[in-house]
N, C-alpha and C. Protein backbone atom coordinates (compact mmCIF):
# COMPACT_ATOMS: atom_id res chain seq x y z
N MET A 1 18.13 -14.64 1.22
CA MET A 1 16.91 -14.45 0.84
C MET A 1 16.46 -16.16 1.33
N TRP A 2 17.76 -16.63 1.75
CA TRP A 2 16.74 -17.85 2.04
C TRP A 2 16.42 -18.25 3.04
N PHE A 3 16.42 -17.04 3.98
CA PHE A 3 15.96 -17.43 5.71
C PHE A 3 14.05 -16.93 5.55
N LEU A 4 14.23 -16.29 4.26
CA LEU A 4 12.52 -15.87 4.33
C LEU A 4 11.42 -16.88 4.28
N PRO A 5 10.31 -17.20 4.05
CA PRO A 5 9.66 -17.72 3.93
C PRO A 5 9.02 -17.59 2.10
N HIS A 6 8.50 -18.89 1.74
CA HIS A 6 8.47 -18.92 0.07
C HIS A 6 7.44 -17.80 -0.17
N PRO A 7 6.53 -17.71 -0.02
CA PRO A 7 5.59 -16.34 -0.41
C PRO A 7 5.92 -15.13 -0.51
N ILE A 8 6.86 -14.95 0.43
CA ILE A 8 7.66 -13.32 0.75
C ILE A 8 8.48 -13.10 -0.11
N VAL A 9 9.16 -14.07 -0.53
CA VAL A 9 10.80 -13.80 -1.88
C VAL A 9 10.33 -13.17 -2.81
N LEU A 10 9.60 -13.49 -3.47
CA LEU A 10 8.91 -12.25 -4.71
C LEU A 10 8.22 -10.51 -4.57
N PRO A 11 7.42 -10.59 -3.56
CA PRO A 11 7.17 -9.31 -3.13
C PRO A 11 8.34 -8.61 -2.41
N LEU A 12 9.12 -9.24 -1.63
CA LEU A 12 10.43 -8.50 -0.99
C LEU A 12 11.68 -8.09 -1.81
N LEU A 13 11.61 -9.34 -2.98
CA LEU A 13 12.27 -8.87 -4.06
C LEU A 13 11.85 -7.43 -5.14
N SER A 14 10.85 -7.32 -5.16
CA SER A 14 9.98 -6.11 -6.30
C SER A 14 10.47 -5.01 -5.52
N VAL A 15 10.26 -5.22 -3.90
CA VAL A 15 10.26 -3.82 -3.32
C VAL A 15 11.65 -3.51 -2.92
N ALA A 16 13.09 -4.45 -3.05
CA ALA A 16 14.07 -3.94 -3.34
C ALA A 16 14.71 -3.42 -4.43
N ALA A 17 14.28 -3.73 -5.86
CA ALA A 17 14.33 -3.78 -6.99
C ALA A 17 13.95 -2.38 -7.04
N ILE A 18 12.75 -1.98 -6.57
CA ILE A 18 11.90 -0.55 -7.17
C ILE A 18 12.65 0.42 -5.96
N GLY A 19 12.94 -0.48 -4.71
CA GLY A 19 13.67 0.72 -4.05
C GLY A 19 15.15 0.99 -4.16
N GLY A 20 15.71 0.30 -4.82
CA GLY A 20 17.47 0.18 -5.48
C GLY A 20 17.15 0.98 -6.94
N ALA A 21 16.02 0.83 -7.77
CA ALA A 21 15.87 1.58 -8.65
C ALA A 21 15.76 3.29 -8.98
N ILE A 22 14.51 3.35 -7.50
CA ILE A 22 14.99 5.09 -7.24
C ILE A 22 16.29 5.40 -6.37
N VAL A 23 16.85 4.85 -5.56
CA VAL A 23 18.37 5.48 -5.29
C VAL A 23 19.29 5.82 -6.39
N VAL A 24 19.70 4.43 -7.78
CA VAL A 24 20.16 4.44 -8.53
C VAL A 24 19.48 5.82 -9.24
N ALA A 25 18.44 6.22 -9.73
CA ALA A 25 18.07 7.43 -10.39
C ALA A 25 17.86 8.54 -9.72
N LEU A 26 17.97 8.84 -8.59
CA LEU A 26 18.34 9.90 -7.77
C LEU A 26 19.99 10.02 -7.78
N ILE A 27 20.94 8.95 -8.32
CA ILE A 27 22.08 9.52 -8.48
C ILE A 27 22.46 9.76 -9.63
N ALA A 28 21.56 8.97 -11.13
CA ALA A 28 22.01 9.89 -11.64
C ALA A 28 21.21 11.14 -12.11
N TRP A 29 19.99 11.89 -11.61
CA TRP A 29 19.71 12.87 -11.59
C TRP A 29 20.50 14.08 -11.42
N LEU A 30 21.29 13.70 -10.25
CA LEU A 30 22.24 14.27 -9.50
C LEU A 30 23.34 14.68 -10.35
N SER A 31 23.81 13.63 -10.94
CA SER A 31 25.24 13.05 -11.66
C SER A 31 25.44 14.09 -12.67
N THR A 32 26.55 14.94 -13.19
CA THR A 32 26.83 15.66 -14.00
C THR A 32 27.55 15.08 -15.16
N ARG A 33 27.11 13.40 -15.35
CA ARG A 33 28.02 12.77 -16.11
C ARG A 33 27.29 13.22 -17.61
N ARG A 34 28.10 13.08 -18.39
CA ARG A 34 27.61 13.19 -19.77
C ARG A 34 26.57 12.28 -20.42
N GLU A 35 25.30 11.49 -21.18
CA GLU A 35 24.98 11.07 -21.50
C GLU A 35 25.95 10.59 -22.75
N ASN A 36 26.37 9.19 -22.98
CA ASN A 36 26.69 8.38 -23.69
C ASN A 36 26.20 7.43 -24.53
N SER A 37 26.20 7.35 -25.67
CA SER A 37 25.56 5.96 -26.24
C SER A 37 25.86 5.05 -26.22
N VAL A 38 27.50 4.94 -26.18
CA VAL A 38 28.32 3.72 -26.05
C VAL A 38 28.47 3.11 -24.82
N ASP A 39 28.06 3.67 -23.55
CA ASP A 39 28.41 2.91 -22.23
C ASP A 39 27.17 2.94 -21.81
N LEU A 40 27.13 2.48 -20.72
CA LEU A 40 26.32 2.01 -19.75
C LEU A 40 25.97 2.81 -18.73
N SER A 41 25.07 3.37 -18.97
CA SER A 41 24.89 4.68 -18.28
C SER A 41 23.78 4.45 -17.24
N TYR A 42 23.31 5.20 -16.08
CA TYR A 42 22.96 5.07 -14.88
C TYR A 42 21.49 4.64 -15.21
N TRP A 43 20.78 5.61 -16.11
CA TRP A 43 19.57 5.16 -16.52
C TRP A 43 19.06 4.01 -16.87
N ASP A 44 19.84 3.09 -17.77
CA ASP A 44 20.11 1.59 -18.18
C ASP A 44 19.71 1.06 -16.92
N VAL A 45 20.86 1.04 -15.72
CA VAL A 45 20.60 0.15 -14.50
C VAL A 45 19.06 0.42 -13.95
N VAL A 46 18.56 1.61 -14.07
CA VAL A 46 17.80 1.53 -13.47
C VAL A 46 16.33 1.37 -14.21
N GLY A 47 16.49 1.69 -15.12
CA GLY A 47 15.41 0.51 -16.12
C GLY A 47 15.44 -0.68 -16.03
N ALA A 48 16.70 -1.40 -15.56
CA ALA A 48 16.79 -2.86 -15.99
C ALA A 48 16.30 -3.22 -14.42
N MET A 49 16.41 -2.00 -13.31
CA MET A 49 16.19 -2.62 -11.76
C MET A 49 14.60 -2.54 -11.88
N THR A 50 14.21 -1.54 -12.66
CA THR A 50 12.44 -1.28 -12.17
C THR A 50 11.82 -2.37 -13.27
N MET A 51 12.17 -3.16 -14.56
CA MET A 51 11.60 -4.31 -15.32
C MET A 51 11.66 -5.54 -14.52
N VAL A 52 13.25 -5.32 -13.42
CA VAL A 52 13.39 -6.91 -12.42
C VAL A 52 12.03 -6.57 -11.50
N GLY A 53 11.74 -5.32 -10.90
CA GLY A 53 11.00 -5.28 -10.11
C GLY A 53 9.36 -5.33 -10.79
N ILE A 54 9.10 -4.48 -11.65
CA ILE A 54 7.75 -5.28 -12.21
C ILE A 54 7.43 -7.05 -12.36
N CYS A 55 8.75 -7.49 -13.24
CA CYS A 55 8.34 -8.72 -13.31
C CYS A 55 8.30 -9.47 -12.04
N ALA A 56 9.18 -8.88 -11.13
CA ALA A 56 8.65 -9.81 -9.45
C ALA A 56 7.36 -9.75 -9.23
N ALA A 57 7.02 -8.67 -9.24
CA ALA A 57 5.21 -8.45 -8.88
C ALA A 57 4.74 -8.98 -9.62
N LEU A 58 4.37 -9.41 -10.52
CA LEU A 58 3.55 -9.83 -11.34
C LEU A 58 3.56 -11.33 -11.18
N LEU A 59 4.55 -11.67 -11.12
CA LEU A 59 5.23 -13.13 -10.64
C LEU A 59 4.57 -14.14 -9.65
N SER A 60 4.31 -12.56 -8.62
CA SER A 60 3.82 -12.95 -7.12
C SER A 60 2.78 -13.08 -6.91
N ASP A 61 2.51 -14.04 -5.95
CA ASP A 61 1.55 -14.27 -5.81
C ASP A 61 0.26 -13.49 -4.78
N PRO A 62 -0.01 -12.50 -4.48
CA PRO A 62 -0.45 -12.08 -3.10
C PRO A 62 -1.13 -13.11 -2.22
N GLU A 63 -1.75 -13.34 -2.75
CA GLU A 63 -3.03 -14.83 -1.87
C GLU A 63 -2.56 -15.45 -0.80
N GLN A 64 -0.86 -16.12 -1.56
CA GLN A 64 0.05 -16.89 -0.37
C GLN A 64 0.87 -16.15 0.32
N ALA A 65 0.80 -14.24 0.48
CA ALA A 65 1.65 -13.68 1.60
C ALA A 65 0.63 -13.46 2.15
N ILE A 66 -0.49 -13.08 1.85
CA ILE A 66 -1.14 -12.31 2.86
C ILE A 66 -1.41 -13.36 4.11
N PRO A 67 -2.20 -14.66 4.32
CA PRO A 67 -1.91 -15.24 5.42
C PRO A 67 -0.61 -15.06 6.46
N LEU A 68 0.61 -15.43 5.90
CA LEU A 68 1.60 -14.91 6.49
C LEU A 68 1.60 -13.53 7.07
N LEU A 69 1.43 -12.78 5.82
CA LEU A 69 1.42 -11.22 6.79
C LEU A 69 0.59 -10.80 8.16
N GLU A 70 -0.57 -11.66 8.36
CA GLU A 70 -1.60 -11.58 8.72
C GLU A 70 -0.94 -12.29 10.13
N GLN A 71 -0.43 -13.27 9.84
CA GLN A 71 0.05 -14.44 11.15
C GLN A 71 1.07 -13.51 11.87
N ARG A 72 1.87 -13.07 10.99
CA ARG A 72 2.55 -12.14 12.19
C ARG A 72 2.36 -10.94 12.82
N GLN A 73 1.19 -10.33 12.19
CA GLN A 73 1.02 -9.00 12.20
C GLN A 73 0.05 -9.27 13.88
N ASN A 74 -0.75 -10.90 13.74
CA ASN A 74 -1.12 -10.64 15.52
C ASN A 74 -0.34 -11.45 16.27
N LYS A 75 0.87 -11.35 16.83
CA LYS A 75 1.42 -12.00 17.29
C LYS A 75 1.92 -10.72 18.20
């Protein structure tokens, strides 16, 4: 993410984390593995990725990203 403009990093991280959580949730849904309270499960990973995505979305400032996206759209 070093090649991205700074205002886009957190929104992109948010979208990537939520998208990854969706993929892992589908894997967990289709998995035949039984839940075990001792081990880390797919659902734990889904929850962590969702939290990262929500936190990144809350910390991002959309007012900084809008001019950058409008500039790219006008090209």
